[in-house]
Amino acid sequence: MNENPLQLATKNWIEAVQKYYEREKDRNELTQVFMRGYFAGWSEREVAQLADNLAKNDKEYPLWRDKT
């Protein structure tokens, strides 16, 4: 399996976001809004949910299937 750079960067980002918010089981509690940077105007909830949804998609619809 050779992941392309975009897929690998996305995988790393998902892992980092989920680790950062691992103590926040209820995403609805994340109400802080980013004022600057890449996610300006987004709530922490939106960022965490995006990472969760991308991880779910990768699990349910992976790019490569294990041939075992």
PDB file of N, CA and C in Angstrom:
ATOM      1  N   MET A   1       0.848  -1.181   0.000  1.00  0.00           N
ATOM      2  CA  MET A   1       0.000   0.000   0.000  1.00  0.00           C
ATOM      3  C   MET A   1       0.890   1.238   0.000  1.00  0.00           C
ATOM      4  N   ASN A   2       0.781   2.039  -1.012  1.00  0.00           N
ATOM      5  CA  ASN A   2       1.513   3.298  -1.104  1.00  0.00           C
ATOM      6  C   ASN A   2       0.519   4.442  -1.049  1.00  0.00           C
ATOM      7  N   GLU A   3       0.449   5.091   0.094  1.00  0.00           N
ATOM      8  CA  GLU A   3      -0.468   6.212   0.225  1.00  0.00           C
ATOM      9  C   GLU A   3       0.129   7.440  -0.455  1.00  0.00           C
ATOM     10  N   ASN A   4      -0.725   8.182  -1.141  1.00  0.00           N
ATOM     11  CA  ASN A   4      -0.226   9.410  -1.745  1.00  0.00           C
ATOM     12  C   ASN A   4      -0.084  10.473  -0.657  1.00  0.00           C
ATOM     13  N   PRO A   5       0.671  11.528  -0.907  1.00  0.00           N
ATOM     14  CA  PRO A   5       0.950  12.526   0.128  1.00  0.00           C
ATOM     15  C   PRO A   5      -0.306  13.173   0.720  1.00  0.00           C
ATOM     16  N   LEU A   6      -1.326  13.417  -0.087  1.00  0.00           N
ATOM     17  CA  LEU A   6      -2.551  14.027   0.427  1.00  0.00           C
ATOM     18  C   LEU A   6      -3.252  13.093   1.408  1.00  0.00           C
ATOM     19  N   GLN A   7      -3.355  11.808   1.060  1.00  0.00           N
ATOM     20  CA  GLN A   7      -3.999  10.842   1.943  1.00  0.00           C
ATOM     21  C   GLN A   7      -3.217  10.698   3.249  1.00  0.00           C
ATOM     22  N   LEU A   8      -1.902  10.658   3.149  1.00  0.00           N
ATOM     23  CA  LEU A   8      -1.067  10.530   4.341  1.00  0.00           C
ATOM     24  C   LEU A   8      -1.191  11.768   5.235  1.00  0.00           C
ATOM     25  N   ALA A   9      -1.178  12.955   4.641  1.00  0.00           N
ATOM     26  CA  ALA A   9      -1.329  14.189   5.415  1.00  0.00           C
ATOM     27  C   ALA A   9      -2.694  14.228   6.100  1.00  0.00           C
ATOM     28  N   THR A  10      -3.724  13.789   5.399  1.00  0.00           N
ATOM     29  CA  THR A  10      -5.067  13.762   5.978  1.00  0.00           C
ATOM     30  C   THR A  10      -5.129  12.781   7.138  1.00  0.00           C
ATOM     31  N   LYS A  11      -4.555  11.613   6.956  1.00  0.00           N
ATOM     32  CA  LYS A  11      -4.519  10.601   8.017  1.00  0.00           C
ATOM     33  C   LYS A  11      -3.816  11.152   9.255  1.00  0.00           C
ATOM     34  N   ASN A  12      -2.676  11.806   9.063  1.00  0.00           N
ATOM     35  CA  ASN A  12      -1.930  12.391  10.185  1.00  0.00           C
ATOM     36  C   ASN A  12      -2.735  13.489  10.872  1.00  0.00           C
ATOM     37  N   TRP A  13      -3.426  14.306  10.085  1.00  0.00           N
ATOM     38  CA  TRP A  13      -4.246  15.384  10.644  1.00  0.00           C
ATOM     39  C   TRP A  13      -5.384  14.807  11.476  1.00  0.00           C
ATOM     40  N   ILE A  14      -6.062  13.793  10.952  1.00  0.00           N
ATOM     41  CA  ILE A  14      -7.167  13.158  11.677  1.00  0.00           C
ATOM     42  C   ILE A  14      -6.670  12.620  13.015  1.00  0.00           C
ATOM     43  N   GLU A  15      -5.567  11.910  12.993  1.00  0.00           N
ATOM     44  CA  GLU A  15      -5.015  11.337  14.228  1.00  0.00           C
ATOM     45  C   GLU A  15      -4.663  12.433  15.234  1.00  0.00           C
ATOM     46  N   ALA A  16      -4.086  13.524  14.768  1.00  0.00           N
ATOM     47  CA  ALA A  16      -3.704  14.619  15.666  1.00  0.00           C
ATOM     48  C   ALA A  16      -4.942  15.280  16.277  1.00  0.00           C
ATOM     49  N   VAL A  17      -5.956  15.535  15.473  1.00  0.00           N
ATOM     50  CA  VAL A  17      -7.182  16.174  15.979  1.00  0.00           C
ATOM     51  C   VAL A  17      -7.885  15.253  16.968  1.00  0.00           C
ATOM     52  N   GLN A  18      -8.012  13.984  16.632  1.00  0.00           N
ATOM     53  CA  GLN A  18      -8.689  13.071  17.542  1.00  0.00           C
ATOM     54  C   GLN A  18      -7.916  12.909  18.854  1.00  0.00           C
ATOM     55  N   LYS A  19      -6.609  12.909  18.787  1.00  0.00           N
ATOM     56  CA  LYS A  19      -5.820  12.834  20.021  1.00  0.00           C
ATOM     57  C   LYS A  19      -6.018  14.101  20.850  1.00  0.00           C
ATOM     58  N   TYR A  20      -6.036  15.246  20.199  1.00  0.00           N
ATOM     59  CA  TYR A  20      -6.209  16.520  20.903  1.00  0.00           C
ATOM     60  C   TYR A  20      -7.550  16.573  21.634  1.00  0.00           C
ATOM     61  N   TYR A  21      -8.599  16.027  21.014  1.00  0.00           N
ATOM     62  CA  TYR A  21      -9.940  16.081  21.597  1.00  0.00           C
ATOM     63  C   TYR A  21     -10.380  14.758  22.220  1.00  0.00           C
ATOM     64  N   GLU A  22      -9.449  13.860  22.519  1.00  0.00           N
ATOM     65  CA  GLU A  22      -9.822  12.536  23.005  1.00  0.00           C
ATOM     66  C   GLU A  22     -10.580  12.570  24.335  1.00  0.00           C
ATOM     67  N   ARG A  23     -10.371  13.569  25.130  1.00  0.00           N
ATOM     68  CA  ARG A  23     -11.083  13.671  26.416  1.00  0.00           C
ATOM     69  C   ARG A  23     -12.489  14.248  26.263  1.00  0.00           C
ATOM     70  N   GLU A  24     -12.774  14.815  25.114  1.00  0.00           N
ATOM     71  CA  GLU A  24     -14.082  15.425  24.860  1.00  0.00           C
ATOM     72  C   GLU A  24     -14.963  14.433  24.110  1.00  0.00           C
ATOM     73  N   LYS A  25     -15.625  13.559  24.855  1.00  0.00           N
ATOM     74  CA  LYS A  25     -16.457  12.523  24.232  1.00  0.00           C
ATOM     75  C   LYS A  25     -17.723  13.113  23.618  1.00  0.00           C
ATOM     76  N   ASP A  26     -18.277  14.149  24.251  1.00  0.00           N
ATOM     77  CA  ASP A  26     -19.484  14.794  23.728  1.00  0.00           C
ATOM     78  C   ASP A  26     -19.066  16.001  22.897  1.00  0.00           C
ATOM     79  N   ARG A  27     -19.101  15.828  21.597  1.00  0.00           N
ATOM     80  CA  ARG A  27     -18.648  16.904  20.702  1.00  0.00           C
ATOM     81  C   ARG A  27     -19.497  18.171  20.839  1.00  0.00           C
ATOM     82  N   ASN A  28     -20.724  18.048  21.312  1.00  0.00           N
ATOM     83  CA  ASN A  28     -21.590  19.215  21.472  1.00  0.00           C
ATOM     84  C   ASN A  28     -21.092  20.168  22.557  1.00  0.00           C
ATOM     85  N   GLU A  29     -20.208  19.698  23.411  1.00  0.00           N
ATOM     86  CA  GLU A  29     -19.636  20.542  24.459  1.00  0.00           C
ATOM     87  C   GLU A  29     -18.545  21.473  23.917  1.00  0.00           C
ATOM     88  N   LEU A  30     -18.082  21.207  22.711  1.00  0.00           N
ATOM     89  CA  LEU A  30     -17.021  22.024  22.110  1.00  0.00           C
ATOM     90  C   LEU A  30     -17.655  23.239  21.429  1.00  0.00           C
ATOM     91  N   THR A  31     -17.653  24.363  22.125  1.00  0.00           N
ATOM     92  CA  THR A  31     -18.335  25.545  21.607  1.00  0.00           C
ATOM     93  C   THR A  31     -17.395  26.706  21.282  1.00  0.00           C
ATOM     94  N   GLN A  32     -16.132  26.563  21.636  1.00  0.00           N
ATOM     95  CA  GLN A  32     -15.162  27.617  21.360  1.00  0.00           C
ATOM     96  C   GLN A  32     -15.007  27.795  19.854  1.00  0.00           C
ATOM     97  N   VAL A  33     -14.925  29.035  19.405  1.00  0.00           N
ATOM     98  CA  VAL A  33     -14.772  29.327  17.977  1.00  0.00           C
ATOM     99  C   VAL A  33     -13.356  29.837  17.720  1.00  0.00           C
ATOM    100  N   PHE A  34     -12.747  29.299  16.682  1.00  0.00           N
ATOM    101  CA  PHE A  34     -11.422  29.761  16.288  1.00  0.00           C
ATOM    102  C   PHE A  34     -11.552  31.155  15.672  1.00  0.00           C
ATOM    103  N   MET A  35     -10.739  32.086  16.125  1.00  0.00           N
ATOM    104  CA  MET A  35     -10.789  33.455  15.626  1.00  0.00           C
ATOM    105  C   MET A  35      -9.741  33.719  14.550  1.00  0.00           C
ATOM    106  N   ARG A  36      -8.722  32.899  14.506  1.00  0.00           N
ATOM    107  CA  ARG A  36      -7.640  33.092  13.540  1.00  0.00           C
ATOM    108  C   ARG A  36      -7.177  31.744  13.010  1.00  0.00           C
ATOM    109  N   GLY A  37      -6.413  31.799  11.963  1.00  0.00           N
ATOM    110  CA  GLY A  37      -5.816  30.575  11.434  1.00  0.00           C
ATOM    111  C   GLY A  37      -6.710  29.863  10.431  1.00  0.00           C
ATOM    112  N   TYR A  38      -6.357  28.636  10.152  1.00  0.00           N
ATOM    113  CA  TYR A  38      -7.022  27.855   9.117  1.00  0.00           C
ATOM    114  C   TYR A  38      -8.508  27.675   9.366  1.00  0.00           C
ATOM    115  N   PHE A  39      -8.901  27.577  10.621  1.00  0.00           N
ATOM    116  CA  PHE A  39     -10.292  27.287  10.947  1.00  0.00           C
ATOM    117  C   PHE A  39     -11.037  28.495  11.504  1.00  0.00           C
ATOM    118  N   ALA A  40     -10.578  29.677  11.168  1.00  0.00           N
ATOM    119  CA  ALA A  40     -11.236  30.895  11.643  1.00  0.00           C
ATOM    120  C   ALA A  40     -12.724  30.838  11.294  1.00  0.00           C
ATOM    121  N   GLY A  41     -13.551  31.079  12.304  1.00  0.00           N
ATOM    122  CA  GLY A  41     -15.001  31.057  12.120  1.00  0.00           C
ATOM    123  C   GLY A  41     -15.620  29.697  12.377  1.00  0.00           C
ATOM    124  N   TRP A  42     -14.804  28.668  12.508  1.00  0.00           N
ATOM    125  CA  TRP A  42     -15.305  27.322  12.801  1.00  0.00           C
ATOM    126  C   TRP A  42     -15.260  27.096  14.309  1.00  0.00           C
ATOM    127  N   SER A  43     -16.183  26.311  14.800  1.00  0.00           N
ATOM    128  CA  SER A  43     -16.120  25.921  16.211  1.00  0.00           C
ATOM    129  C   SER A  43     -15.212  24.704  16.348  1.00  0.00           C
ATOM    130  N   GLU A  44     -14.743  24.494  17.561  1.00  0.00           N
ATOM    131  CA  GLU A  44     -13.955  23.291  17.821  1.00  0.00           C
ATOM    132  C   GLU A  44     -14.792  22.048  17.522  1.00  0.00           C
ATOM    133  N   ARG A  45     -16.074  22.126  17.781  1.00  0.00           N
ATOM    134  CA  ARG A  45     -16.969  21.006  17.491  1.00  0.00           C
ATOM    135  C   ARG A  45     -16.937  20.645  16.012  1.00  0.00           C
ATOM    136  N   GLU A  46     -16.980  21.656  15.145  1.00  0.00           N
ATOM    137  CA  GLU A  46     -16.959  21.400  13.697  1.00  0.00           C
ATOM    138  C   GLU A  46     -15.655  20.734  13.263  1.00  0.00           C
ATOM    139  N   VAL A  47     -14.557  21.185  13.807  1.00  0.00           N
ATOM    140  CA  VAL A  47     -13.251  20.613  13.457  1.00  0.00           C
ATOM    141  C   VAL A  47     -13.169  19.168  13.942  1.00  0.00           C
ATOM    142  N   ALA A  48     -13.569  18.927  15.194  1.00  0.00           N
ATOM    143  CA  ALA A  48     -13.528  17.572  15.745  1.00  0.00           C
ATOM    144  C   ALA A  48     -14.473  16.644  14.984  1.00  0.00           C
ATOM    145  N   GLN A  49     -15.656  17.128  14.639  1.00  0.00           N
ATOM    146  CA  GLN A  49     -16.605  16.303  13.893  1.00  0.00           C
ATOM    147  C   GLN A  49     -16.098  16.007  12.484  1.00  0.00           C
ATOM    148  N   LEU A  50     -15.435  16.954  11.867  1.00  0.00           N
ATOM    149  CA  LEU A  50     -14.853  16.707  10.549  1.00  0.00           C
ATOM    150  C   LEU A  50     -13.837  15.572  10.633  1.00  0.00           C
ATOM    151  N   ALA A  51     -12.962  15.632  11.621  1.00  0.00           N
ATOM    152  CA  ALA A  51     -11.963  14.570  11.797  1.00  0.00           C
ATOM    153  C   ALA A  51     -12.653  13.232  12.064  1.00  0.00           C
ATOM    154  N   ASP A  52     -13.677  13.234  12.905  1.00  0.00           N
ATOM    155  CA  ASP A  52     -14.409  12.001  13.208  1.00  0.00           C
ATOM    156  C   ASP A  52     -15.069  11.427  11.949  1.00  0.00           C
ATOM    157  N   ASN A  53     -15.676  12.278  11.154  1.00  0.00           N
ATOM    158  CA  ASN A  53     -16.346  11.816   9.927  1.00  0.00           C
ATOM    159  C   ASN A  53     -15.353  11.286   8.898  1.00  0.00           C
ATOM    160  N   LEU A  54     -14.211  11.945   8.771  1.00  0.00           N
ATOM    161  CA  LEU A  54     -13.194  11.466   7.842  1.00  0.00           C
ATOM    162  C   LEU A  54     -12.642  10.113   8.287  1.00  0.00           C
ATOM    163  N   ALA A  55     -12.449   9.942   9.599  1.00  0.00           N
ATOM    164  CA  ALA A  55     -11.972   8.653  10.124  1.00  0.00           C
ATOM    165  C   ALA A  55     -13.005   7.559   9.873  1.00  0.00           C
ATOM    166  N   LYS A  56     -14.271   7.897  10.055  1.00  0.00           N
ATOM    167  CA  LYS A  56     -15.352   6.940   9.805  1.00  0.00           C
ATOM    168  C   LYS A  56     -15.383   6.540   8.330  1.00  0.00           C
ATOM    169  N   ASN A  57     -15.246   7.521   7.449  1.00  0.00           N
ATOM    170  CA  ASN A  57     -15.229   7.230   6.012  1.00  0.00           C
ATOM    171  C   ASN A  57     -14.067   6.314   5.643  1.00  0.00           C
ATOM    172  N   ASP A  58     -12.901   6.567   6.227  1.00  0.00           N
ATOM    173  CA  ASP A  58     -11.739   5.745   5.925  1.00  0.00           C
ATOM    174  C   ASP A  58     -11.938   4.307   6.401  1.00  0.00           C
ATOM    175  N   LYS A  59     -12.614   4.167   7.528  1.00  0.00           N
ATOM    176  CA  LYS A  59     -12.866   2.822   8.057  1.00  0.00           C
ATOM    177  C   LYS A  59     -13.907   2.080   7.212  1.00  0.00           C
ATOM    178  N   GLU A  60     -14.976   2.777   6.828  1.00  0.00           N
ATOM    179  CA  GLU A  60     -16.063   2.145   6.081  1.00  0.00           C
ATOM    180  C   GLU A  60     -15.766   1.991   4.595  1.00  0.00           C
ATOM    181  N   TYR A  61     -15.002   2.928   4.042  1.00  0.00           N
ATOM    182  CA  TYR A  61     -14.707   2.927   2.607  1.00  0.00           C
ATOM    183  C   TYR A  61     -13.220   3.152   2.362  1.00  0.00           C
ATOM    184  N   PRO A  62     -12.372   2.239   2.811  1.00  0.00           N
ATOM    185  CA  PRO A  62     -10.918   2.440   2.682  1.00  0.00           C
ATOM    186  C   PRO A  62     -10.474   2.462   1.220  1.00  0.00           C
ATOM    187  N   LEU A  63      -9.376   3.142   0.979  1.00  0.00           N
ATOM    188  CA  LEU A  63      -8.816   3.189  -0.375  1.00  0.00           C
ATOM    189  C   LEU A  63      -8.308   1.825  -0.807  1.00  0.00           C
ATOM    190  N   TRP A  64      -7.733   1.093   0.143  1.00  0.00           N
ATOM    191  CA  TRP A  64      -7.183  -0.235  -0.155  1.00  0.00           C
ATOM    192  C   TRP A  64      -7.798  -1.255   0.764  1.00  0.00           C
ATOM    193  N   ARG A  65      -8.119  -2.369   0.228  1.00  0.00           N
ATOM    194  CA  ARG A  65      -8.670  -3.468   1.037  1.00  0.00           C
ATOM    195  C   ARG A  65      -7.559  -4.467   1.343  1.00  0.00           C
ATOM    196  N   ASP A  66      -7.556  -4.931   2.565  1.00  0.00           N
ATOM    197  CA  ASP A  66      -6.591  -5.949   2.982  1.00  0.00           C
ATOM    198  C   ASP A  66      -6.945  -7.258   2.275  1.00  0.00           C
ATOM    199  N   LYS A  67      -6.003  -7.880   1.618  1.00  0.00           N
ATOM    200  CA  LYS A  67      -6.276  -9.077   0.809  1.00  0.00           C
ATOM    201  C   LYS A  67      -6.079 -10.368   1.576  1.00  0.00           C
ATOM    202  N   THR A  68      -6.179 -10.322   2.898  1.00  0.00           N
ATOM    203  CA  THR A  68      -5.982 -11.556   3.687  1.00  0.00           C
ATOM    204  C   THR A  68      -7.265 -12.310   3.848  1.00  0.00           C
TER     205      THR A  68
END
